[in-house]
């Protein structure tokens, strides 16, 4: 009883100051050391911004709503830095999804643009809006000839959102860009994650970070997830089969779901990973390939209907990109990378759970409802398995 009383006291304090609780606030135990904000923004220079669209209720009228969607923007070096490419690479566990611009990321080794995340049907408008923003803001610094491939990723929110109403507009993209900042960032029903569901409960946007030492150097890994995947039966938190324990609790309520072939476990997850470790593109591919291990810890299985797509970038080697001159860069030995792999798995696991903890119950089109993971029952379940952290 003492443990639960302490946790509820913490929750009351958090609510009093207007902050949403995160997984650690509930007593969920995790491995590894976090950065100051336990967020992707713990990697110096990274900025995140959102545009969140929540309008209407009741029966779905295509083009009118209800609307439950949004846009997320991630700037590797901040938007004020403008054109400043970072080494990057990507990986897909299951490719039933989209992340534009990735073929050039792999071919060139560089990410030249911000990363945008939205819903499945809005990839095109977001891509075009970002491209126009490059022109309007002289993103390429006065060059009279340039080409670029905006990186835009998606997950499907059509069970809560009027996705065929195409509600994301250019102004929403610009809002997410304008709102981008460092420091503490919001989680749950925000940005591109607004209408998403995860592992049997409400999902959305989540973030986490890890700080680690390799020899005499300290590095940070930060991740941001747009989490919309998985079966409730597979949900595992701190090694506890929470999905099985809560199998009859607050199941999705679909009064009139859209016609689809959706099967249990379908959905998607986008993961963006940032680090200040000096990694080259082939090493960032290795990092991206470890992201699914963190997803698997919480219950992801890479279902046939799931788009599991990941991008990793490094903010080190700031002057690596040069069109005309040979650049000198530093890189980490492969033999020293294992702690980065471990930190990746830890941060991805926590970011997904943070997304679920922060998410709130949401009713969308046709009164379809996705219920938030109940904090009190989660605490009770972790205590039952002696996994609640004091």
Protein backbone atom coordinates (compact mmCIF):
# COMPACT_ATOMS: atom_id res chain seq x y z
CA UNK A 1 0.00 0.00 0.00
CA UNK A 2 2.90 2.33 0.77
CA UNK A 3 4.25 2.13 -2.79
CA UNK A 4 0.87 2.95 -4.32
CA UNK A 5 0.34 5.85 -1.91
CA UNK A 6 3.71 7.33 -2.87
CA UNK A 7 2.93 7.03 -6.57
CA UNK A 8 -0.48 8.68 -6.22
CA UNK A 9 1.11 11.51 -4.22
CA UNK A 10 3.53 12.07 -7.09
CA UNK A 11 0.68 12.08 -9.59
CA UNK A 12 -1.25 14.66 -7.60
CA UNK A 13 1.82 16.91 -7.51
CA UNK A 14 2.33 16.56 -11.25
CA UNK A 15 -1.32 17.34 -11.98
CA UNK A 16 -1.18 20.36 -9.69
CA UNK A 17 1.58 21.83 -11.86
CA UNK A 18 -0.23 21.00 -15.10
CA UNK A 19 2.19 18.34 -16.29
CA UNK A 20 1.16 14.94 -17.54
CA UNK A 21 2.69 11.99 -15.70
CA UNK A 22 5.21 9.89 -17.57
CA UNK A 23 5.99 6.21 -17.17
CA UNK A 24 8.68 6.77 -14.54
CA UNK A 25 6.26 8.92 -12.52
CA UNK A 26 3.99 5.89 -12.19
CA UNK A 27 6.84 3.74 -10.90
CA UNK A 28 7.58 1.86 -14.14
CA UNK A 29 11.20 0.67 -13.87
CA UNK A 30 13.63 1.19 -16.76
CA UNK A 31 17.31 0.56 -17.37
CA UNK A 32 19.76 3.28 -18.30
CA UNK A 33 20.36 6.93 -17.46
CA UNK A 34 18.18 9.60 -19.08
CA UNK A 35 19.09 13.09 -20.20
CA UNK A 36 17.67 16.22 -18.56
CA UNK A 37 14.33 16.06 -20.36
CA UNK A 38 14.29 12.33 -21.13
CA UNK A 39 13.50 13.36 -24.69
CA UNK A 40 14.96 13.48 -28.18
CA UNK A 41 15.69 17.13 -27.48
CA UNK A 42 18.40 16.07 -25.02
CA UNK A 43 20.56 15.75 -28.13
CA UNK A 44 21.88 19.28 -28.51
CA UNK A 45 20.32 21.21 -31.38
CA UNK A 46 17.31 18.97 -31.95
CA UNK A 47 13.95 20.77 -32.03
CA UNK A 48 10.43 19.34 -32.15
CA UNK A 49 7.15 21.05 -33.02
CA UNK A 50 3.49 20.05 -33.38
CA UNK A 51 0.28 21.04 -35.03
CA UNK A 52 -2.68 19.25 -33.42
CA UNK A 53 -6.14 19.14 -35.04
CA UNK A 54 -9.07 18.08 -32.83
CA UNK A 55 -12.48 19.20 -34.06
CA UNK A 56 -16.05 17.93 -34.09
CA UNK A 57 -17.77 14.82 -32.77
CA UNK A 58 -20.33 12.20 -33.74
CA UNK A 59 -21.07 10.77 -37.16
CA UNK A 60 -18.34 10.97 -39.76
CA UNK A 61 -19.06 13.31 -42.67
CA UNK A 62 -16.20 13.11 -45.12
CA UNK A 63 -14.60 16.50 -45.46
CA UNK A 64 -16.25 17.84 -42.32
CA UNK A 65 -14.97 15.53 -39.58
CA UNK A 66 -14.68 14.70 -36.77
CA UNK A 67 -10.97 15.50 -37.07
CA UNK A 68 -8.30 13.83 -34.92
CA UNK A 69 -4.94 14.29 -36.60
CA UNK A 70 -1.90 16.56 -36.91
CA UNK A 71 1.71 17.11 -37.94
CA UNK A 72 5.02 16.64 -36.15
CA UNK A 73 8.24 18.40 -37.19
CA UNK A 74 11.77 17.39 -36.12
CA UNK A 75 14.80 19.54 -36.91
CA UNK A 76 18.17 17.80 -36.38
CA UNK A 77 20.06 21.07 -35.86
CA UNK A 78 17.15 23.43 -35.23
CA UNK A 79 15.30 25.43 -37.84
CA UNK A 80 17.48 28.52 -37.43
CA UNK A 81 20.48 26.52 -38.68
CA UNK A 82 18.81 26.10 -42.05
CA UNK A 83 20.65 23.85 -44.51
CA UNK A 84 23.04 21.81 -42.37
CA UNK A 85 22.96 18.12 -43.38
CA UNK A 86 23.59 15.36 -40.87
CA UNK A 87 24.82 11.84 -41.43
CA UNK A 88 21.80 9.51 -41.44
CA UNK A 89 20.37 6.18 -42.49
CA UNK A 90 17.11 4.27 -42.18
CA UNK A 91 15.66 0.79 -41.78
CA UNK A 92 12.26 -0.84 -42.14
CA UNK A 93 11.14 -3.86 -40.12
CA UNK A 94 7.91 -4.18 -42.12
CA UNK A 95 7.26 -1.87 -45.02
CA UNK A 96 3.50 -1.41 -45.01
CA UNK A 97 3.97 2.33 -44.67
CA UNK A 98 5.80 5.34 -46.05
CA UNK A 99 8.77 7.57 -45.32
CA UNK A 100 9.61 9.71 -48.33
CA UNK A 101 13.14 10.72 -49.27
CA UNK A 102 14.82 7.68 -47.76
CA UNK A 103 16.38 6.34 -50.95
CA UNK A 104 18.51 9.49 -51.22
CA UNK A 105 19.33 9.36 -47.50
CA UNK A 106 20.86 5.92 -48.03
CA UNK A 107 22.48 6.79 -51.36
CA UNK A 108 24.05 10.06 -50.17
CA UNK A 109 24.53 9.25 -46.50
CA UNK A 110 23.01 12.58 -45.49
CA UNK A 111 19.69 13.87 -44.19
CA UNK A 112 19.36 17.37 -45.63
CA UNK A 113 15.91 18.29 -44.35
CA UNK A 114 13.69 18.26 -41.27
CA UNK A 115 11.65 15.13 -40.63
CA UNK A 116 7.86 15.46 -40.75
CA UNK A 117 5.32 12.92 -39.46
CA UNK A 118 1.58 12.94 -40.13
CA UNK A 119 -1.29 10.61 -41.10
CA UNK A 120 -1.22 8.26 -44.08
CA UNK A 121 -3.31 10.37 -46.44
CA UNK A 122 -1.52 13.63 -45.71
CA UNK A 123 2.02 12.71 -46.75
CA UNK A 124 1.67 14.51 -50.08
CA UNK A 125 0.39 17.83 -48.78
CA UNK A 126 3.02 17.85 -46.02
CA UNK A 127 5.79 17.14 -48.49
CA UNK A 128 4.64 19.92 -50.81
CA UNK A 129 4.21 22.41 -47.96
CA UNK A 130 7.72 21.73 -46.67
CA UNK A 131 9.17 22.13 -50.13
CA UNK A 132 7.41 25.48 -50.50
CA UNK A 133 8.70 26.47 -47.06
CA UNK A 134 12.26 25.81 -48.27
CA UNK A 135 11.69 28.26 -51.10
CA UNK A 136 10.02 30.90 -48.94
CA UNK A 137 12.76 30.78 -46.26
CA UNK A 138 15.76 30.31 -48.57
CA UNK A 139 16.58 27.04 -46.82
CA UNK A 140 19.49 26.42 -49.22
CA UNK A 141 21.16 29.72 -48.47
CA UNK A 142 21.05 31.62 -51.72
CA UNK A 143 21.83 28.74 -54.07
CA UNK A 144 20.17 29.40 -57.41
CA UNK A 145 19.87 25.71 -58.26
CA UNK A 146 19.13 22.91 -55.86
CA UNK A 147 17.03 19.80 -55.41
CA UNK A 148 15.79 18.05 -52.33
CA UNK A 149 13.56 15.22 -51.17
CA UNK A 150 11.56 16.11 -48.05
CA UNK A 151 11.41 13.32 -45.49
CA UNK A 152 7.78 12.73 -44.50
CA UNK A 153 6.56 9.66 -42.58
CA UNK A 154 3.07 8.47 -41.65
CA UNK A 155 0.87 6.21 -39.61
CA UNK A 156 -2.86 5.55 -40.11
CA UNK A 157 -5.42 7.31 -37.90
CA UNK A 158 -8.57 6.48 -39.87
CA UNK A 159 -10.39 4.75 -37.00
CA UNK A 160 -10.65 8.02 -35.08
CA UNK A 161 -10.03 10.63 -37.77
CA UNK A 162 -11.88 11.63 -40.94
CA UNK A 163 -8.78 10.62 -42.86
CA UNK A 164 -10.45 10.86 -46.28
CA UNK A 165 -11.42 14.43 -45.49
CA UNK A 166 -7.79 15.55 -45.96
CA UNK A 167 -7.83 18.03 -43.11
CA UNK A 168 -4.08 18.62 -42.85
CA UNK A 169 -3.27 21.79 -44.77
CA UNK A 170 -0.20 23.87 -45.52
CA UNK A 171 -0.87 26.10 -42.53
CA UNK A 172 -0.71 23.10 -40.19
CA UNK A 173 2.71 22.17 -41.54
CA UNK A 174 3.89 25.74 -41.05
CA UNK A 175 2.48 25.73 -37.52
CA UNK A 176 4.43 22.59 -36.59
CA UNK A 177 7.59 24.14 -38.03
CA UNK A 178 7.02 27.46 -36.26
CA UNK A 179 6.37 25.72 -32.94
CA UNK A 180 9.55 23.65 -33.09
CA UNK A 181 11.73 24.12 -30.03
CA UNK A 182 14.19 22.38 -27.78
CA UNK A 183 13.66 21.40 -24.15
CA UNK A 184 10.63 19.58 -22.75
CA UNK A 185 8.14 18.44 -25.38
CA UNK A 186 4.54 17.24 -25.21
CA UNK A 187 3.51 13.59 -25.57
CA UNK A 188 0.36 11.58 -26.18
CA UNK A 189 -2.46 13.02 -28.30
CA UNK A 190 -0.32 15.63 -30.05
CA UNK A 191 0.97 16.33 -33.55
CA UNK A 192 0.95 13.47 -36.00
CA UNK A 193 0.23 11.10 -33.11
CA UNK A 194 -3.11 12.71 -32.22
CA UNK A 195 -5.40 9.98 -33.57
CA UNK A 196 -3.19 6.93 -33.07
CA UNK A 197 -3.76 3.73 -31.08
CA UNK A 198 -1.20 1.33 -29.63
CA UNK A 199 -1.19 -2.19 -28.21
CA UNK A 200 -4.87 -2.16 -27.34
CA UNK A 201 -5.01 1.35 -25.89
CA UNK A 202 -4.69 4.96 -27.01
CA UNK A 203 -1.26 5.65 -28.46
CA UNK A 204 0.39 8.67 -30.01
CA UNK A 205 3.64 10.59 -29.67
CA UNK A 206 6.31 9.63 -27.13
CA UNK A 207 9.95 10.37 -26.47
CA UNK A 208 12.87 9.28 -24.28
CA UNK A 209 16.65 9.55 -24.09
CA UNK A 210 19.74 7.85 -22.72
CA UNK A 211 23.11 9.28 -21.70
CA UNK A 212 26.11 6.96 -21.71
CA UNK A 213 29.87 6.97 -21.47
CA UNK A 214 32.21 5.22 -23.90
CA UNK A 215 35.76 5.44 -22.61
CA UNK A 216 36.21 9.12 -21.69
CA UNK A 217 33.40 10.51 -23.85
CA UNK A 218 29.74 11.07 -22.95
CA UNK A 219 27.07 10.64 -25.63
CA UNK A 220 23.31 11.03 -25.82
CA UNK A 221 20.72 9.05 -27.74
CA UNK A 222 17.20 10.44 -28.04
CA UNK A 223 14.16 8.98 -29.78
CA UNK A 224 10.71 10.17 -30.78
CA UNK A 225 8.01 7.67 -31.72
CA UNK A 226 4.65 7.98 -33.44
CA UNK A 227 3.14 4.84 -32.01
CA UNK A 228 0.15 3.15 -33.67
CA UNK A 229 0.85 -0.59 -33.67
CA UNK A 230 0.39 -3.92 -31.97
CA UNK A 231 -2.06 -6.31 -30.32
CA UNK A 232 -3.26 -5.83 -26.78
CA UNK A 233 -2.46 -9.45 -25.93
CA UNK A 234 1.24 -8.73 -26.52
CA UNK A 235 1.52 -5.55 -24.43
CA UNK A 236 4.38 -5.96 -21.97
CA UNK A 237 5.60 -3.29 -19.54
CA UNK A 238 8.64 -3.89 -17.35
CA UNK A 239 8.43 -7.57 -18.27
CA UNK A 240 4.85 -7.81 -17.01
CA UNK A 241 2.13 -9.17 -19.37
CA UNK A 242 -0.05 -6.09 -18.90
CA UNK A 243 -2.10 -6.79 -22.03
CA UNK A 244 -3.12 -10.22 -20.80
CA UNK A 245 -3.84 -8.91 -17.31
CA UNK A 246 -6.08 -6.18 -18.75
CA UNK A 247 -7.50 -8.18 -21.66
CA UNK A 248 -11.10 -7.47 -20.66
CA UNK A 249 -10.49 -3.86 -19.71
CA UNK A 250 -11.47 -0.87 -21.87
CA UNK A 251 -11.24 -2.49 -25.27
CA UNK A 252 -11.49 -0.33 -28.41
CA UNK A 253 -15.07 0.69 -29.16
CA UNK A 254 -15.82 0.88 -32.88
CA UNK A 255 -19.43 1.79 -33.58
CA UNK A 256 -18.93 2.05 -37.31
CA UNK A 257 -15.32 1.43 -38.29
CA UNK A 258 -14.26 2.20 -41.86
CA UNK A 259 -14.37 -0.70 -44.27
CA UNK A 260 -10.94 -2.29 -44.25
CA UNK A 261 -9.01 -5.54 -44.04
CA UNK A 262 -7.43 -4.47 -40.77
CA UNK A 263 -6.41 -7.42 -38.61
CA UNK A 264 -5.44 -7.58 -34.97
CA UNK A 265 -1.93 -6.20 -34.59
CA UNK A 266 -1.98 -4.07 -37.73
CA UNK A 267 -0.90 -0.47 -37.51
CA UNK A 268 2.44 1.31 -37.74
CA UNK A 269 5.23 2.92 -35.80
CA UNK A 270 7.65 5.60 -36.90
CA UNK A 271 10.81 6.04 -34.84
CA UNK A 272 13.26 8.91 -35.28
CA UNK A 273 16.54 8.52 -33.41
CA UNK A 274 19.07 11.29 -32.82
CA UNK A 275 22.55 11.00 -31.35
CA UNK A 276 25.61 13.17 -30.90
CA UNK A 277 27.90 10.14 -31.15
CA UNK A 278 30.22 10.42 -34.20
CA UNK A 279 28.65 7.74 -36.36
CA UNK A 280 28.96 7.33 -40.11
CA UNK A 281 25.96 6.39 -42.29
CA UNK A 282 26.68 2.66 -42.25
CA UNK A 283 26.90 2.79 -38.46
CA UNK A 284 23.61 4.66 -38.24
CA UNK A 285 22.09 1.83 -40.26
CA UNK A 286 23.30 -0.51 -37.54
CA UNK A 287 21.66 1.69 -34.91
CA UNK A 288 18.38 1.81 -36.85
CA UNK A 289 18.39 -1.98 -37.10
CA UNK A 290 18.34 -2.21 -33.28
CA UNK A 291 15.18 -0.10 -32.95
CA UNK A 292 12.88 -3.12 -33.52
CA UNK A 293 14.38 -4.77 -30.43
CA UNK A 294 12.92 -2.00 -28.27
CA UNK A 295 9.58 -2.31 -30.03
CA UNK A 296 9.61 -6.07 -29.45
CA UNK A 297 10.19 -5.59 -25.72
CA UNK A 298 6.81 -3.85 -25.37
CA UNK A 299 4.96 -6.23 -27.69
CA UNK A 300 5.54 -5.28 -31.32
CA UNK A 301 5.68 -8.16 -33.78
CA UNK A 302 6.09 -6.42 -37.15
CA UNK A 303 2.65 -7.49 -38.36
CA UNK A 304 1.87 -7.80 -42.06
CA UNK A 305 -0.32 -4.70 -41.93
CA UNK A 306 2.17 -2.60 -39.98
CA UNK A 307 4.52 0.05 -41.31
CA UNK A 308 7.56 -0.07 -39.02
CA UNK A 309 10.01 2.49 -40.38
CA UNK A 310 12.96 4.04 -38.58
CA UNK A 311 15.46 6.82 -39.24
CA UNK A 312 18.66 7.53 -37.28
CA UNK A 313 20.90 10.57 -37.58
CA UNK A 314 24.02 11.96 -35.93
CA UNK A 315 24.58 15.64 -35.16
CA UNK A 316 28.35 15.11 -34.90
CA UNK A 317 30.69 16.00 -37.77
CA UNK A 318 28.90 19.27 -38.40
CA UNK A 319 31.14 20.19 -41.34
CA UNK A 320 31.02 16.79 -43.06
CA UNK A 321 28.78 17.97 -45.89
CA UNK A 322 30.70 19.90 -48.53
CA UNK A 323 29.90 20.13 -52.22
CA UNK A 324 33.39 21.20 -53.30
CA UNK A 325 36.07 20.31 -50.77
CA UNK A 326 37.28 17.13 -49.12
CA UNK A 327 35.99 16.95 -45.54
CA UNK A 328 37.71 15.45 -42.53
CA UNK A 329 35.43 13.57 -40.14
CA UNK A 330 35.72 11.47 -37.00
CA UNK A 331 34.01 8.16 -36.39
CA UNK A 332 33.50 5.70 -33.59
CA UNK A 333 35.06 2.23 -33.84
CA UNK A 334 32.49 -0.48 -34.47
CA UNK A 335 33.90 -2.35 -31.48
CA UNK A 336 32.73 0.46 -29.20
CA UNK A 337 29.14 0.63 -30.43
CA UNK A 338 27.43 -1.97 -28.24
CA UNK A 339 26.52 0.55 -25.47
CA UNK A 340 24.79 2.64 -28.16
CA UNK A 341 22.81 -0.41 -29.25
CA UNK A 342 21.69 -1.01 -25.68
CA UNK A 343 20.76 2.64 -25.18
CA UNK A 344 18.73 2.53 -28.40
CA UNK A 345 16.66 -0.42 -27.20
CA UNK A 346 16.10 1.17 -23.79
CA UNK A 347 15.05 4.56 -25.16
CA UNK A 348 12.66 3.10 -27.75
CA UNK A 349 10.97 0.94 -25.12
CA UNK A 350 10.45 3.89 -22.79
CA UNK A 351 9.31 6.29 -25.52
CA UNK A 352 6.51 3.92 -26.57
CA UNK A 353 5.30 3.50 -23.00
CA UNK A 354 5.55 7.26 -22.43
CA UNK A 355 3.28 7.77 -25.44
CA UNK A 356 0.68 5.44 -23.93
CA UNK A 357 0.94 6.92 -20.44
CA UNK A 358 0.48 10.47 -21.74
CA UNK A 359 -2.33 9.60 -24.16
CA UNK A 360 -5.87 10.35 -23.06
CA UNK A 361 -9.05 8.52 -24.01
CA UNK A 362 -10.26 9.83 -27.36
CA UNK A 363 -13.61 9.57 -29.11
CA UNK A 364 -13.50 10.10 -32.85
CA UNK A 365 -15.54 9.45 -35.97
CA UNK A 366 -18.87 7.69 -35.47
CA UNK A 367 -18.17 7.82 -31.72
CA UNK A 368 -15.40 5.24 -32.11
CA UNK A 369 -13.37 5.31 -28.94
CA UNK A 370 -9.78 4.46 -28.00
CA UNK A 371 -9.29 4.21 -24.26
CA UNK A 372 -6.19 5.41 -22.46
CA UNK A 373 -4.11 2.88 -20.58
CA UNK A 374 -5.56 3.16 -17.05
CA UNK A 375 -2.81 4.34 -14.72
CA UNK A 376 -4.34 2.88 -11.57
CA UNK A 377 -4.70 -0.60 -13.08
CA UNK A 378 -1.19 -0.44 -14.51
CA UNK A 379 0.20 0.38 -11.07
CA UNK A 380 -1.83 -2.43 -9.52
CA UNK A 381 -0.61 -4.90 -12.14
CA UNK A 382 3.05 -3.94 -11.74
CA UNK A 383 2.69 -4.26 -7.98
CA UNK A 384 1.17 -7.72 -8.40
CA UNK A 385 4.34 -8.83 -10.19
CA UNK A 386 6.58 -6.94 -7.78
CA UNK A 387 7.77 -4.62 -10.55
CA UNK A 388 6.64 -1.27 -9.17
CA UNK A 389 9.60 0.99 -8.50
CA UNK A 390 9.57 2.90 -5.21
